[in-house]
Amino acid sequence: MPLLRFDLIEGRTAEQVATLLDAAHDAMLEAFRVPARDRYQLVYQHPAEQTRIEDTGLDIPRTRDVMIVSVTTRPRTREEKQAFYRLLTEKLQERCGTAPSDVMVNFVTNTDDDWSFGYGEAQFLTGKL
């Protein structure tokens, strides 16, 4: 936890996706200081003609590498979120060649009641986490 969902335009190889996921995980580890095995990532690839990711009038250039990264998480501080935005774009640019202008991020915040990691238990509530 956090749960990261990546919405991409289809066409990336398995190796490219693996590199992207590793870069994002490293950014999350550094920004949120969570355990290394706190890794929950889902990738969805969409046909280009079924994808529109614009810029809310900010004149941000987009390419076929554009992605939306949705982060579902317990509450994070403003500083943690800003660090994640910066680290994610830096690592994706360095390792994947993804322009920072092609990375859109949104946070969905929830509480400890909203997580079960298995066995029908809410581990944050039971004290196991």
N, C-alpha and C. Protein backbone atom coordinates (compact mmCIF):
# COMPACT_ATOMS: atom_id res chain seq x y z
N MET A 1 0.87 -1.14 0.00
CA MET A 1 0.00 0.00 0.00
C MET A 1 0.92 1.21 0.00
N PRO A 2 0.87 2.07 -0.86
CA PRO A 2 -0.17 2.47 -1.78
C PRO A 2 -0.35 1.50 -2.95
N LEU A 3 -1.50 1.62 -3.59
CA LEU A 3 -1.82 0.89 -4.81
C LEU A 3 -1.63 1.86 -5.96
N LEU A 4 -0.76 1.51 -6.91
CA LEU A 4 -0.50 2.35 -8.08
C LEU A 4 -1.11 1.70 -9.30
N ARG A 5 -1.90 2.49 -10.02
CA ARG A 5 -2.50 2.04 -11.28
C ARG A 5 -1.95 2.91 -12.39
N PHE A 6 -1.50 2.27 -13.46
CA PHE A 6 -0.91 2.97 -14.59
C PHE A 6 -1.81 2.77 -15.81
N ASP A 7 -2.31 3.85 -16.36
CA ASP A 7 -3.07 3.80 -17.60
C ASP A 7 -2.18 4.34 -18.71
N LEU A 8 -1.89 3.47 -19.68
CA LEU A 8 -0.94 3.75 -20.74
C LEU A 8 -1.59 3.53 -22.10
N ILE A 9 -1.02 4.14 -23.13
CA ILE A 9 -1.39 3.80 -24.50
C ILE A 9 -0.64 2.53 -24.84
N GLU A 10 -1.36 1.55 -25.40
CA GLU A 10 -0.75 0.26 -25.68
C GLU A 10 0.44 0.37 -26.63
N GLY A 11 1.33 -0.61 -26.52
CA GLY A 11 2.48 -0.66 -27.41
C GLY A 11 3.80 -0.84 -26.70
N ARG A 12 3.83 -0.73 -25.38
CA ARG A 12 5.08 -0.93 -24.65
C ARG A 12 5.38 -2.42 -24.53
N THR A 13 6.66 -2.74 -24.56
CA THR A 13 7.07 -4.13 -24.38
C THR A 13 7.01 -4.51 -22.91
N ALA A 14 7.08 -5.81 -22.64
CA ALA A 14 7.10 -6.28 -21.25
C ALA A 14 8.29 -5.70 -20.50
N GLU A 15 9.42 -5.59 -21.16
CA GLU A 15 10.62 -5.02 -20.53
C GLU A 15 10.42 -3.54 -20.22
N GLN A 16 9.80 -2.80 -21.12
CA GLN A 16 9.54 -1.38 -20.88
C GLN A 16 8.58 -1.20 -19.71
N VAL A 17 7.56 -2.04 -19.63
CA VAL A 17 6.62 -1.95 -18.51
C VAL A 17 7.32 -2.28 -17.21
N ALA A 18 8.16 -3.31 -17.20
CA ALA A 18 8.89 -3.68 -15.98
C ALA A 18 9.79 -2.54 -15.52
N THR A 19 10.46 -1.87 -16.44
CA THR A 19 11.33 -0.74 -16.10
C THR A 19 10.50 0.41 -15.52
N LEU A 20 9.35 0.68 -16.13
CA LEU A 20 8.45 1.72 -15.65
C LEU A 20 8.00 1.41 -14.22
N LEU A 21 7.59 0.17 -13.97
CA LEU A 21 7.12 -0.21 -12.64
C LEU A 21 8.24 -0.11 -11.60
N ASP A 22 9.44 -0.52 -11.97
CA ASP A 22 10.57 -0.42 -11.04
C ASP A 22 10.88 1.04 -10.71
N ALA A 23 10.86 1.90 -11.71
CA ALA A 23 11.13 3.32 -11.49
C ALA A 23 10.07 3.93 -10.56
N ALA A 24 8.81 3.61 -10.80
CA ALA A 24 7.73 4.14 -9.97
C ALA A 24 7.83 3.61 -8.54
N HIS A 25 8.20 2.34 -8.40
CA HIS A 25 8.32 1.77 -7.06
C HIS A 25 9.45 2.46 -6.29
N ASP A 26 10.56 2.70 -6.95
CA ASP A 26 11.67 3.39 -6.29
C ASP A 26 11.27 4.81 -5.87
N ALA A 27 10.50 5.50 -6.70
CA ALA A 27 10.02 6.84 -6.34
C ALA A 27 9.11 6.77 -5.13
N MET A 28 8.23 5.77 -5.11
CA MET A 28 7.31 5.62 -3.98
C MET A 28 8.07 5.29 -2.69
N LEU A 29 9.04 4.39 -2.77
CA LEU A 29 9.84 4.05 -1.59
C LEU A 29 10.51 5.28 -1.00
N GLU A 30 11.09 6.09 -1.87
CA GLU A 30 11.81 7.27 -1.40
C GLU A 30 10.85 8.34 -0.87
N ALA A 31 9.75 8.56 -1.56
CA ALA A 31 8.82 9.63 -1.15
C ALA A 31 8.04 9.28 0.10
N PHE A 32 7.60 8.02 0.21
CA PHE A 32 6.70 7.63 1.30
C PHE A 32 7.38 6.82 2.40
N ARG A 33 8.63 6.39 2.15
CA ARG A 33 9.38 5.61 3.14
C ARG A 33 8.58 4.40 3.64
N VAL A 34 8.09 3.62 2.69
CA VAL A 34 7.36 2.39 3.01
C VAL A 34 8.29 1.19 2.84
N PRO A 35 7.92 0.02 3.35
CA PRO A 35 8.76 -1.18 3.19
C PRO A 35 8.92 -1.56 1.71
N ALA A 36 10.03 -2.16 1.37
CA ALA A 36 10.34 -2.52 -0.02
C ALA A 36 9.29 -3.46 -0.63
N ARG A 37 8.73 -4.35 0.19
CA ARG A 37 7.73 -5.28 -0.34
C ARG A 37 6.31 -4.71 -0.30
N ASP A 38 6.20 -3.43 -0.06
CA ASP A 38 4.93 -2.72 -0.11
C ASP A 38 4.71 -2.31 -1.56
N ARG A 39 4.44 -3.31 -2.40
CA ARG A 39 4.41 -3.08 -3.85
C ARG A 39 3.13 -3.65 -4.44
N TYR A 40 2.25 -2.73 -4.86
CA TYR A 40 0.98 -3.10 -5.47
C TYR A 40 0.82 -2.21 -6.70
N GLN A 41 0.99 -2.80 -7.88
CA GLN A 41 0.99 -2.03 -9.12
C GLN A 41 0.15 -2.76 -10.17
N LEU A 42 -0.65 -2.02 -10.87
CA LEU A 42 -1.48 -2.55 -11.94
C LEU A 42 -1.28 -1.71 -13.19
N VAL A 43 -1.14 -2.37 -14.33
CA VAL A 43 -0.95 -1.67 -15.60
C VAL A 43 -2.12 -1.99 -16.52
N TYR A 44 -2.68 -0.95 -17.08
CA TYR A 44 -3.74 -1.08 -18.07
C TYR A 44 -3.27 -0.36 -19.32
N GLN A 45 -3.27 -1.08 -20.44
CA GLN A 45 -2.89 -0.46 -21.71
C GLN A 45 -4.12 -0.34 -22.59
N HIS A 46 -4.28 0.84 -23.16
CA HIS A 46 -5.48 1.17 -23.93
C HIS A 46 -5.11 1.50 -25.37
N PRO A 47 -5.97 1.19 -26.34
CA PRO A 47 -5.73 1.62 -27.71
C PRO A 47 -5.69 3.15 -27.78
N ALA A 48 -4.81 3.68 -28.61
CA ALA A 48 -4.64 5.13 -28.72
C ALA A 48 -5.95 5.84 -29.04
N GLU A 49 -6.76 5.22 -29.90
CA GLU A 49 -8.01 5.87 -30.30
C GLU A 49 -9.05 5.88 -29.18
N GLN A 50 -8.80 5.16 -28.11
CA GLN A 50 -9.71 5.14 -26.97
C GLN A 50 -9.16 5.94 -25.78
N THR A 51 -8.13 6.73 -26.04
CA THR A 51 -7.45 7.45 -24.96
C THR A 51 -7.37 8.94 -25.27
N ARG A 52 -7.80 9.75 -24.32
CA ARG A 52 -7.64 11.20 -24.41
C ARG A 52 -7.10 11.68 -23.08
N ILE A 53 -5.89 12.19 -23.10
CA ILE A 53 -5.27 12.74 -21.89
C ILE A 53 -4.75 14.12 -22.29
N GLU A 54 -5.53 15.12 -21.96
CA GLU A 54 -5.18 16.47 -22.38
C GLU A 54 -4.52 17.21 -21.22
N ASP A 55 -4.70 18.52 -21.12
CA ASP A 55 -3.85 19.28 -20.21
C ASP A 55 -4.57 20.37 -19.42
N THR A 56 -5.89 20.37 -19.39
CA THR A 56 -6.67 21.36 -18.64
C THR A 56 -6.31 22.79 -19.05
N GLY A 57 -5.91 22.98 -20.30
CA GLY A 57 -5.59 24.31 -20.79
C GLY A 57 -4.22 24.83 -20.39
N LEU A 58 -3.34 23.94 -19.93
CA LEU A 58 -2.01 24.36 -19.48
C LEU A 58 -0.96 24.32 -20.58
N ASP A 59 -1.35 23.94 -21.80
CA ASP A 59 -0.42 23.84 -22.93
C ASP A 59 0.73 22.88 -22.64
N ILE A 60 0.42 21.75 -22.03
CA ILE A 60 1.41 20.72 -21.75
C ILE A 60 1.46 19.79 -22.95
N PRO A 61 2.63 19.63 -23.57
CA PRO A 61 2.72 18.74 -24.73
C PRO A 61 2.63 17.28 -24.30
N ARG A 62 1.88 16.49 -25.07
CA ARG A 62 1.72 15.07 -24.79
C ARG A 62 2.19 14.26 -26.00
N THR A 63 2.73 13.07 -25.73
CA THR A 63 3.13 12.15 -26.78
C THR A 63 2.45 10.80 -26.55
N ARG A 64 2.79 9.81 -27.34
CA ARG A 64 2.24 8.46 -27.16
C ARG A 64 2.70 7.84 -25.84
N ASP A 65 3.69 8.42 -25.19
CA ASP A 65 4.16 7.90 -23.89
C ASP A 65 3.35 8.44 -22.72
N VAL A 66 2.34 9.25 -22.97
CA VAL A 66 1.54 9.84 -21.90
C VAL A 66 0.94 8.74 -21.03
N MET A 67 0.85 9.03 -19.74
CA MET A 67 0.28 8.06 -18.81
C MET A 67 -0.43 8.79 -17.68
N ILE A 68 -1.39 8.09 -17.08
CA ILE A 68 -2.01 8.55 -15.85
C ILE A 68 -1.61 7.55 -14.77
N VAL A 69 -1.07 8.05 -13.69
CA VAL A 69 -0.71 7.23 -12.54
C VAL A 69 -1.67 7.59 -11.42
N SER A 70 -2.49 6.63 -11.02
CA SER A 70 -3.45 6.84 -9.93
C SER A 70 -2.89 6.16 -8.69
N VAL A 71 -2.82 6.91 -7.61
CA VAL A 71 -2.25 6.43 -6.36
C VAL A 71 -3.37 6.36 -5.32
N THR A 72 -3.74 5.16 -4.92
CA THR A 72 -4.72 4.97 -3.85
C THR A 72 -3.95 4.71 -2.58
N THR A 73 -4.17 5.53 -1.55
CA THR A 73 -3.31 5.48 -0.38
C THR A 73 -4.00 6.05 0.86
N ARG A 74 -3.43 5.71 1.98
CA ARG A 74 -3.78 6.38 3.22
C ARG A 74 -3.35 7.85 3.07
N PRO A 75 -3.80 8.73 3.94
CA PRO A 75 -3.42 10.14 3.81
C PRO A 75 -1.89 10.34 3.78
N ARG A 76 -1.46 11.19 2.87
CA ARG A 76 -0.05 11.57 2.73
C ARG A 76 0.05 13.08 2.88
N THR A 77 1.19 13.54 3.37
CA THR A 77 1.38 14.98 3.51
C THR A 77 1.58 15.63 2.14
N ARG A 78 1.39 16.92 2.11
CA ARG A 78 1.64 17.69 0.89
C ARG A 78 3.08 17.49 0.43
N GLU A 79 4.00 17.48 1.39
CA GLU A 79 5.43 17.31 1.06
C GLU A 79 5.70 15.93 0.45
N GLU A 80 5.08 14.90 1.00
CA GLU A 80 5.25 13.55 0.44
C GLU A 80 4.71 13.46 -0.98
N LYS A 81 3.56 14.05 -1.21
CA LYS A 81 2.98 14.03 -2.55
C LYS A 81 3.86 14.79 -3.54
N GLN A 82 4.32 15.96 -3.15
CA GLN A 82 5.18 16.74 -4.05
C GLN A 82 6.49 16.02 -4.32
N ALA A 83 7.04 15.36 -3.31
CA ALA A 83 8.26 14.57 -3.52
C ALA A 83 7.98 13.44 -4.49
N PHE A 84 6.84 12.78 -4.34
CA PHE A 84 6.50 11.69 -5.26
C PHE A 84 6.37 12.19 -6.69
N TYR A 85 5.67 13.30 -6.90
CA TYR A 85 5.53 13.85 -8.25
C TYR A 85 6.91 14.07 -8.88
N ARG A 86 7.78 14.71 -8.12
CA ARG A 86 9.13 15.03 -8.62
C ARG A 86 9.95 13.78 -8.87
N LEU A 87 10.00 12.89 -7.88
CA LEU A 87 10.80 11.67 -8.01
C LEU A 87 10.30 10.77 -9.13
N LEU A 88 8.98 10.66 -9.25
CA LEU A 88 8.42 9.81 -10.30
C LEU A 88 8.83 10.31 -11.67
N THR A 89 8.66 11.60 -11.92
CA THR A 89 9.00 12.12 -13.25
C THR A 89 10.51 12.03 -13.50
N GLU A 90 11.32 12.27 -12.48
CA GLU A 90 12.77 12.16 -12.65
C GLU A 90 13.17 10.73 -13.01
N LYS A 91 12.65 9.77 -12.28
CA LYS A 91 13.04 8.37 -12.50
C LYS A 91 12.49 7.84 -13.83
N LEU A 92 11.27 8.23 -14.19
CA LEU A 92 10.72 7.80 -15.47
C LEU A 92 11.49 8.41 -16.64
N GLN A 93 11.91 9.65 -16.49
CA GLN A 93 12.71 10.27 -17.56
C GLN A 93 14.07 9.60 -17.67
N GLU A 94 14.70 9.36 -16.53
CA GLU A 94 16.04 8.77 -16.52
C GLU A 94 16.03 7.33 -17.05
N ARG A 95 15.09 6.52 -16.61
CA ARG A 95 15.11 5.08 -16.93
C ARG A 95 14.30 4.70 -18.16
N CYS A 96 13.26 5.49 -18.46
CA CYS A 96 12.35 5.12 -19.55
C CYS A 96 12.36 6.12 -20.69
N GLY A 97 12.97 7.27 -20.48
CA GLY A 97 12.95 8.31 -21.50
C GLY A 97 11.60 9.02 -21.59
N THR A 98 10.77 8.89 -20.57
CA THR A 98 9.44 9.52 -20.56
C THR A 98 9.58 10.99 -20.16
N ALA A 99 9.07 11.86 -21.00
CA ALA A 99 9.10 13.29 -20.69
C ALA A 99 8.23 13.58 -19.47
N PRO A 100 8.68 14.45 -18.57
CA PRO A 100 7.86 14.82 -17.42
C PRO A 100 6.48 15.34 -17.82
N SER A 101 6.37 15.93 -19.00
CA SER A 101 5.08 16.43 -19.48
C SER A 101 4.10 15.31 -19.82
N ASP A 102 4.58 14.09 -19.92
CA ASP A 102 3.74 12.94 -20.23
C ASP A 102 3.27 12.17 -18.99
N VAL A 103 3.53 12.70 -17.80
CA VAL A 103 3.17 11.99 -16.57
C VAL A 103 2.13 12.80 -15.80
N MET A 104 0.92 12.27 -15.76
CA MET A 104 -0.16 12.86 -14.97
C MET A 104 -0.40 11.96 -13.77
N VAL A 105 -0.55 12.53 -12.59
CA VAL A 105 -0.73 11.76 -11.36
C VAL A 105 -1.95 12.26 -10.62
N ASN A 106 -2.71 11.33 -10.06
CA ASN A 106 -3.77 11.73 -9.14
C ASN A 106 -3.76 10.82 -7.92
N PHE A 107 -4.14 11.40 -6.79
CA PHE A 107 -4.20 10.67 -5.53
C PHE A 107 -5.66 10.43 -5.14
N VAL A 108 -5.94 9.21 -4.70
CA VAL A 108 -7.22 8.84 -4.13
C VAL A 108 -6.91 8.43 -2.70
N THR A 109 -7.39 9.20 -1.75
CA THR A 109 -7.04 8.98 -0.35
C THR A 109 -8.17 8.24 0.36
N ASN A 110 -7.78 7.28 1.19
CA ASN A 110 -8.76 6.57 1.99
C ASN A 110 -8.19 6.35 3.39
N THR A 111 -8.84 5.53 4.19
CA THR A 111 -8.42 5.35 5.58
C THR A 111 -8.04 3.90 5.85
N ASP A 112 -7.59 3.63 7.06
CA ASP A 112 -7.19 2.27 7.45
C ASP A 112 -8.34 1.28 7.33
N ASP A 113 -9.57 1.73 7.49
CA ASP A 113 -10.74 0.85 7.35
C ASP A 113 -10.87 0.29 5.95
N ASP A 114 -10.25 0.94 4.97
CA ASP A 114 -10.47 0.61 3.57
C ASP A 114 -9.50 -0.41 2.99
N TRP A 115 -8.68 -1.03 3.82
CA TRP A 115 -7.66 -1.96 3.32
C TRP A 115 -7.76 -3.32 3.99
N SER A 116 -7.74 -4.35 3.16
CA SER A 116 -7.54 -5.72 3.61
C SER A 116 -6.50 -6.33 2.68
N PHE A 117 -5.45 -6.87 3.23
CA PHE A 117 -4.37 -7.45 2.42
C PHE A 117 -4.53 -8.96 2.26
N GLY A 118 -5.60 -9.51 2.79
CA GLY A 118 -5.88 -10.93 2.67
C GLY A 118 -6.48 -11.48 3.95
N TYR A 119 -6.94 -12.70 3.86
CA TYR A 119 -7.52 -13.44 4.99
C TYR A 119 -8.78 -12.80 5.56
N GLY A 120 -9.41 -11.90 4.81
CA GLY A 120 -10.63 -11.28 5.29
C GLY A 120 -10.44 -10.40 6.51
N GLU A 121 -9.24 -9.87 6.66
CA GLU A 121 -8.93 -9.02 7.82
C GLU A 121 -8.55 -7.62 7.38
N ALA A 122 -8.78 -6.66 8.24
CA ALA A 122 -8.31 -5.29 8.03
C ALA A 122 -7.05 -5.13 8.89
N GLN A 123 -5.89 -5.46 8.31
CA GLN A 123 -4.65 -5.54 9.07
C GLN A 123 -4.24 -4.23 9.74
N PHE A 124 -4.59 -3.09 9.17
CA PHE A 124 -4.29 -1.83 9.85
C PHE A 124 -5.11 -1.71 11.13
N LEU A 125 -6.31 -2.25 11.11
CA LEU A 125 -7.18 -2.17 12.28
C LEU A 125 -6.86 -3.21 13.34
N THR A 126 -6.40 -4.39 12.89
CA THR A 126 -6.09 -5.46 13.85
C THR A 126 -4.73 -5.28 14.53
N GLY A 127 -3.93 -4.35 14.01
CA GLY A 127 -2.61 -4.11 14.59
C GLY A 127 -1.52 -4.94 13.94
N LYS A 128 -1.85 -5.75 12.94
CA LYS A 128 -0.81 -6.53 12.26
C LYS A 128 0.07 -5.65 11.38
N LEU A 129 -0.43 -4.48 11.05
CA LEU A 129 0.37 -3.49 10.30
C LEU A 129 0.39 -2.18 11.07
